[in-house]
C-alpha atoms as a PDB file:
ATOM      1  CA  MET A   1     -72.690 -17.016 -37.353  1.00  0.00           C
ATOM      2  CA  THR A   2     -74.544 -16.675 -33.580  1.00  0.00           C
ATOM      3  CA  ASP A   3     -78.298 -16.903 -32.726  1.00  0.00           C
ATOM      4  CA  VAL A   4     -78.823 -13.126 -32.995  1.00  0.00           C
ATOM      5  CA  ALA A   5     -77.244 -12.956 -36.251  1.00  0.00           C
ATOM      6  CA  ARG A   6     -79.381 -15.531 -37.855  1.00  0.00           C
ATOM      7  CA  SER A   7     -82.964 -14.555 -35.967  1.00  0.00           C
ATOM      8  CA  PRO A   8     -85.554 -13.492 -38.697  1.00  0.00           C
ATOM      9  CA  ARG A   9     -87.085 -10.143 -37.914  1.00  0.00           C
ATOM     10  CA  PRO A  10     -89.921 -10.160 -35.261  1.00  0.00           C
ATOM     11  CA  ARG A  11     -93.352  -9.882 -36.493  1.00  0.00           C
ATOM     12  CA  PRO A  12     -95.049  -6.712 -36.582  1.00  0.00           C
ATOM     13  CA  GLN A  13     -96.665  -5.422 -33.455  1.00  0.00           C
ATOM     14  CA  ARG A  14    -100.624  -5.326 -32.812  1.00  0.00           C
ATOM     15  CA  SER A  15    -101.518  -1.519 -32.054  1.00  0.00           C
ATOM     16  CA  ASP A  16    -103.231  -2.514 -28.805  1.00  0.00           C
ATOM     17  CA  GLY A  17     -99.887  -3.921 -27.800  1.00  0.00           C
ATOM     18  CA  GLU A  18     -97.976  -1.161 -28.061  1.00  0.00           C
ATOM     19  CA  GLN A  19     -97.612  -0.371 -24.428  1.00  0.00           C
ATOM     20  CA  THR A  20     -96.605  -4.246 -24.125  1.00  0.00           C
ATOM     21  CA  ARG A  21     -93.820  -4.012 -26.655  1.00  0.00           C
ATOM     22  CA  GLU A  22     -92.546  -0.758 -25.503  1.00  0.00           C
ATOM     23  CA  ARG A  23     -92.369  -2.049 -21.951  1.00  0.00           C
ATOM     24  CA  LEU A  24     -90.956  -5.125 -23.144  1.00  0.00           C
ATOM     25  CA  MET A  25     -87.896  -3.022 -25.349  1.00  0.00           C
ATOM     26  CA  HIS A  26     -87.242  -0.947 -22.251  1.00  0.00           C
ATOM     27  CA  ALA A  27     -86.908  -3.675 -19.828  1.00  0.00           C
ATOM     28  CA  ALA A  28     -84.719  -5.359 -22.584  1.00  0.00           C
ATOM     29  CA  LEU A  29     -82.374  -2.821 -23.126  1.00  0.00           C
ATOM     30  CA  ARG A  30     -81.399  -2.083 -19.882  1.00  0.00           C
ATOM     31  CA  LEU A  31     -80.688  -5.586 -19.181  1.00  0.00           C
ATOM     32  CA  PHE A  32     -78.990  -6.406 -21.731  1.00  0.00           C
ATOM     33  CA  ALA A  33     -76.966  -3.475 -21.458  1.00  0.00           C
ATOM     34  CA  GLN A  34     -76.031  -4.034 -18.017  1.00  0.00           C
ATOM     35  CA  HIS A  35     -75.357  -8.122 -18.233  1.00  0.00           C
ATOM     36  CA  GLY A  36     -75.093  -8.754 -22.375  1.00  0.00           C
ATOM     37  CA  PHE A  37     -76.977 -11.071 -24.265  1.00  0.00           C
ATOM     38  CA  GLU A  38     -75.620 -14.442 -22.576  1.00  0.00           C
ATOM     39  CA  LYS A  39     -76.439 -13.632 -19.385  1.00  0.00           C
ATOM     40  CA  THR A  40     -79.895 -11.822 -19.429  1.00  0.00           C
ATOM     41  CA  SER A  41     -83.077 -14.309 -19.599  1.00  0.00           C
ATOM     42  CA  THR A  42     -86.189 -13.668 -21.009  1.00  0.00           C
ATOM     43  CA  ARG A  43     -87.929 -14.248 -17.853  1.00  0.00           C
ATOM     44  CA  GLU A  44     -85.952 -11.374 -16.164  1.00  0.00           C
ATOM     45  CA  ILE A  45     -87.004  -9.306 -19.053  1.00  0.00           C
ATOM     46  CA  ALA A  46     -90.854 -10.392 -19.320  1.00  0.00           C
ATOM     47  CA  GLU A  47     -90.595  -9.666 -14.921  1.00  0.00           C
ATOM     48  CA  ALA A  48     -88.912  -6.293 -15.370  1.00  0.00           C
ATOM     49  CA  ALA A  49     -91.541  -5.637 -18.197  1.00  0.00           C
ATOM     50  CA  GLY A  50     -94.490  -6.708 -16.103  1.00  0.00           C
ATOM     51  CA  THR A  51     -95.507  -9.398 -18.580  1.00  0.00           C
ATOM     52  CA  ASN A  52     -94.962 -12.956 -19.582  1.00  0.00           C
ATOM     53  CA  LEU A  53     -93.027 -15.049 -21.625  1.00  0.00           C
ATOM     54  CA  ALA A  54     -95.467 -15.405 -24.427  1.00  0.00           C
ATOM     55  CA  ALA A  55     -95.199 -11.571 -24.880  1.00  0.00           C
ATOM     56  CA  ILE A  56     -91.673 -12.038 -25.769  1.00  0.00           C
ATOM     57  CA  LYS A  57     -92.435 -14.996 -28.222  1.00  0.00           C
ATOM     58  CA  TYR A  58     -95.449 -12.933 -30.045  1.00  0.00           C
ATOM     59  CA  TYR A  59     -93.709 -10.040 -30.730  1.00  0.00           C
ATOM     60  CA  PHE A  60     -90.246 -10.869 -30.992  1.00  0.00           C
ATOM     61  CA  GLY A  61     -90.282 -14.704 -31.651  1.00  0.00           C
ATOM     62  CA  ASP A  62     -87.435 -15.246 -29.076  1.00  0.00           C
ATOM     63  CA  LYS A  63     -84.647 -13.889 -26.679  1.00  0.00           C
ATOM     64  CA  ALA A  64     -82.146 -12.956 -29.950  1.00  0.00           C
ATOM     65  CA  GLY A  65     -85.153 -11.508 -32.221  1.00  0.00           C
ATOM     66  CA  LEU A  66     -85.448  -8.917 -29.256  1.00  0.00           C
ATOM     67  CA  TYR A  67     -82.053  -8.226 -29.069  1.00  0.00           C
ATOM     68  CA  ARG A  68     -81.930  -7.110 -32.606  1.00  0.00           C
ATOM     69  CA  THR A  69     -84.908  -5.073 -32.270  1.00  0.00           C
ATOM     70  CA  VAL A  70     -83.403  -3.325 -29.096  1.00  0.00           C
ATOM     71  CA  PHE A  71     -80.220  -3.190 -31.107  1.00  0.00           C
ATOM     72  CA  PHE A  72     -81.473  -1.618 -33.806  1.00  0.00           C
ATOM     73  CA  GLU A  73     -84.622  -0.049 -33.470  1.00  0.00           C
ATOM     74  CA  MET A  74     -83.932   1.955 -30.044  1.00  0.00           C
ATOM     75  CA  GLN A  75     -81.627   4.376 -32.147  1.00  0.00           C
ATOM     76  CA  GLY A  76     -82.448   6.070 -35.363  1.00  0.00           C
ATOM     77  CA  LYS A  77     -82.900   4.553 -38.524  1.00  0.00           C
ATOM     78  CA  PRO A  78     -79.705   5.269 -41.080  1.00  0.00           C
ATOM     79  CA  GLU A  79     -81.961   6.565 -43.835  1.00  0.00           C
ATOM     80  CA  ASP A  80     -83.534   8.956 -41.491  1.00  0.00           C
ATOM     81  CA  GLU A  81     -80.397  10.303 -40.231  1.00  0.00           C
ATOM     82  CA  ILE A  82     -78.767  10.796 -43.713  1.00  0.00           C
ATOM     83  CA  GLU A  83     -81.863  12.684 -44.728  1.00  0.00           C
ATOM     84  CA  ARG A  84     -80.977  15.099 -42.201  1.00  0.00           C
ATOM     85  CA  TYR A  85     -77.828  16.694 -43.499  1.00  0.00           C
ATOM     86  CA  ALA A  86     -77.805  14.765 -47.430  1.00  0.00           C
ATOM     87  CA  ASP A  87     -79.701  17.050 -49.114  1.00  0.00           C
ATOM     88  CA  PRO A  88     -77.437  19.401 -51.991  1.00  0.00           C
ATOM     89  CA  SER A  89     -79.621  22.113 -51.584  1.00  0.00           C
ATOM     90  CA  LEU A  90     -78.298  22.656 -47.646  1.00  0.00           C
ATOM     91  CA  SER A  91     -75.637  25.207 -46.640  1.00  0.00           C
ATOM     92  CA  LEU A  92     -72.612  23.395 -44.936  1.00  0.00           C
ATOM     93  CA  ALA A  93     -73.988  24.960 -41.380  1.00  0.00           C
ATOM     94  CA  GLU A  94     -77.581  23.529 -42.275  1.00  0.00           C
ATOM     95  CA  ALA A  95     -75.928  20.359 -43.162  1.00  0.00           C
ATOM     96  CA  LEU A  96     -73.464  20.128 -40.054  1.00  0.00           C
ATOM     97  CA  LEU A  97     -76.597  20.856 -38.198  1.00  0.00           C
ATOM     98  CA  GLY A  98     -78.721  18.074 -39.112  1.00  0.00           C
ATOM     99  CA  PHE A  99     -75.749  15.675 -38.704  1.00  0.00           C
ATOM    100  CA  TYR A 100     -74.735  16.839 -35.447  1.00  0.00           C
ATOM    101  CA  THR A 101     -78.841  16.764 -34.460  1.00  0.00           C
ATOM    102  CA  GLY A 102     -78.618  12.891 -34.651  1.00  0.00           C
ATOM    103  CA  PHE A 103     -76.186  12.879 -32.113  1.00  0.00           C
ATOM    104  CA  VAL A 104     -77.904  15.165 -29.642  1.00  0.00           C
ATOM    105  CA  GLU A 105     -81.159  14.338 -29.912  1.00  0.00           C
ATOM    106  CA  PRO A 106     -81.011  11.064 -28.357  1.00  0.00           C
ATOM    107  CA  LEU A 107     -79.036  12.771 -25.280  1.00  0.00           C
ATOM    108  CA  ARG A 108     -82.127  14.691 -24.685  1.00  0.00           C
ATOM    109  CA  GLU A 109     -83.781  11.445 -23.660  1.00  0.00           C
ATOM    110  CA  GLY A 110     -81.470  10.708 -20.849  1.00  0.00           C
ATOM    111  CA  ASP A 111     -81.148   7.250 -19.410  1.00  0.00           C
ATOM    112  CA  VAL A 112     -82.330   5.727 -23.054  1.00  0.00           C
ATOM    113  CA  ALA A 113     -79.064   6.974 -24.824  1.00  0.00           C
ATOM    114  CA  GLN A 114     -76.746   6.011 -22.182  1.00  0.00           C
ATOM    115  CA  GLN A 115     -78.408   2.475 -22.037  1.00  0.00           C
ATOM    116  CA  CYS A 116     -78.007   2.552 -26.112  1.00  0.00           C
ATOM    117  CA  ILE A 117     -74.195   3.254 -25.714  1.00  0.00           C
ATOM    118  CA  LYS A 118     -73.483   0.843 -23.098  1.00  0.00           C
ATOM    119  CA  LEU A 119     -75.328  -1.932 -25.202  1.00  0.00           C
ATOM    120  CA  HIS A 120     -73.104  -1.040 -28.207  1.00  0.00           C
ATOM    121  CA  ALA A 121     -69.900  -1.118 -26.026  1.00  0.00           C
ATOM    122  CA  ARG A 122     -71.494  -4.728 -24.622  1.00  0.00           C
ATOM    123  CA  GLU A 123     -71.941  -6.003 -28.182  1.00  0.00           C
ATOM    124  CA  ILE A 124     -68.109  -4.772 -29.559  1.00  0.00           C
ATOM    125  CA  LEU A 125     -66.575  -6.804 -26.618  1.00  0.00           C
ATOM    126  CA  GLU A 126     -69.279  -9.676 -26.589  1.00  0.00           C
ATOM    127  CA  PRO A 127     -69.920  -9.813 -30.220  1.00  0.00           C
ATOM    128  CA  THR A 128     -73.084 -11.631 -31.231  1.00  0.00           C
ATOM    129  CA  GLY A 129     -72.674 -10.346 -35.149  1.00  0.00           C
ATOM    130  CA  LEU A 130     -74.994  -7.240 -34.926  1.00  0.00           C
ATOM    131  CA  TRP A 131     -71.635  -4.737 -34.790  1.00  0.00           C
ATOM    132  CA  GLN A 132     -70.724  -5.595 -37.747  1.00  0.00           C
ATOM    133  CA  GLN A 133     -74.021  -5.414 -39.641  1.00  0.00           C
ATOM    134  CA  GLU A 134     -74.671  -1.644 -37.840  1.00  0.00           C
ATOM    135  CA  ILE A 135     -71.012  -0.821 -39.405  1.00  0.00           C
ATOM    136  CA  SER A 136     -71.919  -1.970 -42.762  1.00  0.00           C
ATOM    137  CA  GLU A 137     -75.613  -0.934 -42.849  1.00  0.00           C
ATOM    138  CA  GLY A 138     -75.471   1.972 -40.569  1.00  0.00           C
ATOM    139  CA  ILE A 139     -71.969   4.009 -39.914  1.00  0.00           C
ATOM    140  CA  GLN A 140     -70.937   3.110 -43.300  1.00  0.00           C
ATOM    141  CA  PRO A 141     -73.688   4.743 -45.475  1.00  0.00           C
ATOM    142  CA  MET A 142     -73.364   7.277 -43.226  1.00  0.00           C
ATOM    143  CA  HIS A 143     -70.139   7.662 -43.538  1.00  0.00           C
ATOM    144  CA  GLU A 144     -70.266   8.257 -47.306  1.00  0.00           C
ATOM    145  CA  ALA A 145     -73.424  10.425 -47.217  1.00  0.00           C
ATOM    146  CA  LEU A 146     -71.146  12.546 -45.253  1.00  0.00           C
ATOM    147  CA  LEU A 147     -68.478  13.012 -47.564  1.00  0.00           C
ATOM    148  CA  ALA A 148     -70.553  13.593 -50.081  1.00  0.00           C
ATOM    149  CA  VAL A 149     -71.263  16.816 -48.206  1.00  0.00           C
ATOM    150  CA  LEU A 150     -67.877  17.519 -47.774  1.00  0.00           C
ATOM    151  CA  ALA A 151     -66.689  16.734 -51.260  1.00  0.00           C
ATOM    152  CA  ARG A 152     -69.434  19.313 -52.704  1.00  0.00           C
ATOM    153  CA  HIS A 153     -68.401  22.134 -50.343  1.00  0.00           C
ATOM    154  CA  LEU A 154     -65.075  21.592 -50.522  1.00  0.00           C
ATOM    155  CA  GLY A 155     -65.389  20.861 -54.444  1.00  0.00           C
ATOM    156  CA  VAL A 156     -63.435  17.825 -54.534  1.00  0.00           C
ATOM    157  CA  ALA A 157     -64.304  15.716 -57.380  1.00  0.00           C
ATOM    158  CA  THR A 158     -63.180  12.180 -55.657  1.00  0.00           C
ATOM    159  CA  PRO A 159     -63.169  11.816 -52.006  1.00  0.00           C
ATOM    160  CA  ASP A 160     -59.896  11.401 -50.968  1.00  0.00           C
ATOM    161  CA  ASP A 161     -57.897  10.251 -47.732  1.00  0.00           C
ATOM    162  CA  GLU A 162     -57.401  13.239 -46.223  1.00  0.00           C
ATOM    163  CA  LEU A 163     -61.656  14.352 -46.964  1.00  0.00           C
ATOM    164  CA  ARG A 164     -62.473  10.746 -45.338  1.00  0.00           C
ATOM    165  CA  ARG A 165     -59.541  11.680 -42.193  1.00  0.00           C
ATOM    166  CA  LEU A 166     -62.130  15.120 -42.095  1.00  0.00           C
ATOM    167  CA  ALA A 167     -65.297  13.280 -42.192  1.00  0.00           C
ATOM    168  CA  MET A 168     -63.954  10.525 -39.023  1.00  0.00           C
ATOM    169  CA  CYS A 169     -62.578  13.764 -37.249  1.00  0.00           C
ATOM    170  CA  LEU A 170     -66.148  15.645 -37.865  1.00  0.00           C
ATOM    171  CA  ALA A 171     -68.164  12.407 -36.782  1.00  0.00           C
ATOM    172  CA  GLY A 172     -65.588  12.187 -33.637  1.00  0.00           C
ATOM    173  CA  LEU A 173     -67.207  15.101 -31.919  1.00  0.00           C
ATOM    174  CA  GLY A 174     -70.454  13.649 -32.116  1.00  0.00           C
ATOM    175  CA  VAL A 175     -69.375   9.912 -30.898  1.00  0.00           C
ATOM    176  CA  HIS A 176     -66.853  11.555 -27.810  1.00  0.00           C
ATOM    177  CA  LEU A 177     -70.062  13.134 -26.575  1.00  0.00           C
ATOM    178  CA  HIS A 178     -71.761  10.277 -26.269  1.00  0.00           C
ATOM    179  CA  ILE A 179     -69.070   7.453 -24.906  1.00  0.00           C
ATOM    180  CA  CYS A 180     -68.332  10.290 -22.144  1.00  0.00           C
ATOM    181  CA  THR A 181     -71.120  11.594 -21.078  1.00  0.00           C
ATOM    182  CA  ASP A 182     -70.304  10.032 -17.466  1.00  0.00           C
ATOM    183  CA  VAL A 183     -66.797  11.537 -17.678  1.00  0.00           C
ATOM    184  CA  ILE A 184     -68.635  15.283 -18.527  1.00  0.00           C
ATOM    185  CA  ASP A 185     -71.217  14.555 -15.349  1.00  0.00           C
ATOM    186  CA  VAL A 186     -67.614  14.338 -13.654  1.00  0.00           C
ATOM    187  CA  VAL A 187     -65.266  16.812 -14.834  1.00  0.00           C
ATOM    188  CA  ALA A 188     -67.634  19.455 -16.182  1.00  0.00           C
ATOM    189  CA  PRO A 189     -71.181  18.649 -15.156  1.00  0.00           C
ATOM    190  CA  ALA A 190     -72.615  22.518 -15.652  1.00  0.00           C
ATOM    191  CA  LEU A 191     -72.151  21.417 -19.575  1.00  0.00           C
ATOM    192  CA  LYS A 192     -75.191  19.164 -19.042  1.00  0.00           C
ATOM    193  CA  GLN A 193     -77.252  21.297 -16.685  1.00  0.00           C
ATOM    194  CA  GLY A 194     -80.209  23.894 -17.267  1.00  0.00           C
ATOM    195  CA  ALA A 195     -82.743  23.691 -20.001  1.00  0.00           C
ATOM    196  CA  GLN A 196     -80.631  25.137 -23.436  1.00  0.00           C
ATOM    197  CA  ALA A 197     -77.987  22.722 -22.221  1.00  0.00           C
ATOM    198  CA  TRP A 198     -78.143  20.401 -25.349  1.00  0.00           C
ATOM    199  CA  ASP A 199     -79.195  23.658 -27.328  1.00  0.00           C
ATOM    200  CA  ARG A 200     -75.580  25.078 -26.600  1.00  0.00           C
ATOM    201  CA  TRP A 201     -73.836  21.744 -27.028  1.00  0.00           C
ATOM    202  CA  LEU A 202     -75.345  21.237 -30.816  1.00  0.00           C
ATOM    203  CA  ASP A 203     -74.329  24.963 -31.730  1.00  0.00           C
ATOM    204  CA  ARG A 204     -71.058  24.584 -30.606  1.00  0.00           C
ATOM    205  CA  LEU A 205     -70.808  21.105 -32.508  1.00  0.00           C
ATOM    206  CA  VAL A 206     -71.850  23.125 -35.777  1.00  0.00           C
ATOM    207  CA  MET A 207     -69.196  25.876 -34.676  1.00  0.00           C
ATOM    208  CA  TYR A 208     -66.375  23.451 -33.936  1.00  0.00           C
ATOM    209  CA  GLY A 209     -67.398  21.317 -37.513  1.00  0.00           C
ATOM    210  CA  LEU A 210     -67.297  24.355 -39.517  1.00  0.00           C
ATOM    211  CA  ALA A 211     -64.055  25.414 -38.371  1.00  0.00           C
ATOM    212  CA  MET A 212     -62.423  22.234 -39.182  1.00  0.00           C
ATOM    213  CA  VAL A 213     -63.813  21.902 -42.350  1.00  0.00           C
ATOM    214  CA  GLU A 214     -62.095  25.822 -42.800  1.00  0.00           C
ATOM    215  CA  ALA A 215     -58.853  24.319 -41.911  1.00  0.00           C
ATOM    216  CA  GLU A 216     -59.132  21.553 -44.611  1.00  0.00           C
ATOM    217  CA  ARG A 217     -60.344  24.249 -47.103  1.00  0.00           C
ATOM    218  CA  GLN A 218     -56.853  26.280 -46.617  1.00  0.00           C
ATOM    219  CA  ARG A 219     -54.847  23.642 -46.134  1.00  0.00           C
ATOM    220  CA  ARG A 220     -55.804  22.448 -49.620  1.00  0.00           C
ATOM    221  CA  ALA A 221     -55.294  25.719 -51.021  1.00  0.00           C
ATOM    222  CA  THR A 222     -51.974  25.740 -49.958  1.00  0.00           C
ATOM    223  CA  PRO A 223     -49.492  24.180 -52.022  1.00  0.00           C
ATOM    224  CA  GLU A 224     -47.511  21.562 -50.859  1.00  0.00           C
ATOM    225  CA  PRO A 225     -43.318  22.655 -50.982  1.00  0.00           C
ATOM    226  CA  SER A 226     -41.659  20.527 -53.768  1.00  0.00           C
ATOM    227  CA  GLY A 227     -40.239  17.393 -52.887  1.00  0.00           C
ATOM    228  CA  GLU A 228     -41.991  16.977 -49.517  1.00  0.00           C
ATOM    229  CA  THR A 229     -44.731  14.659 -48.185  1.00  0.00           C
ATOM    230  CA  PRO A 230     -48.327  15.866 -48.177  1.00  0.00           C
ATOM    231  CA  ARG A 231     -49.609  17.444 -44.699  1.00  0.00           C
END
């Protein structure tokens, strides 16, 4: 297990140090995303944030504690994301709106979202142990919550492989939007321009998501020919 995975949670910040803590987190996010955990020094982070090494120790304990905080705190908490779409009283369209809002809202913030994406990509390629924690404590609970939404609206008692495949495809729309924003900048820059660009993306994601769910509903309603493998 790496130092990052073993690192204790940082102590709560003092209210009068919020700006210093925020500067450290943003500086660390940029540098960790560019160079990775191992090749980024605390001195570089402190200098970029306009503070000193003691501030890193006070707020985060050490470099590993700062990395953990940046990795998990610079994005939404899983429980907050799930709350957007898991309420049984929501219609399917409302649930998908809440689900995709979790993908679109960070993109409105511009560079921060891009740096978080790069940081996660680096963590996958240069693992410290946090990506597996992200999967088990973040991605998996959100996946299970989405499965419950789909099962409820499709009348499925127990989620099966086809429902899990549908959930993966629905999430893929949002994930692709995140990891391919630089591609969009090149091949279709107009899709990110204008005050309403992200509102339009959110609307379309919900529309496409509803179409995917409806396609699965129709597939389930169509009897499989005798002796054939289910589609």
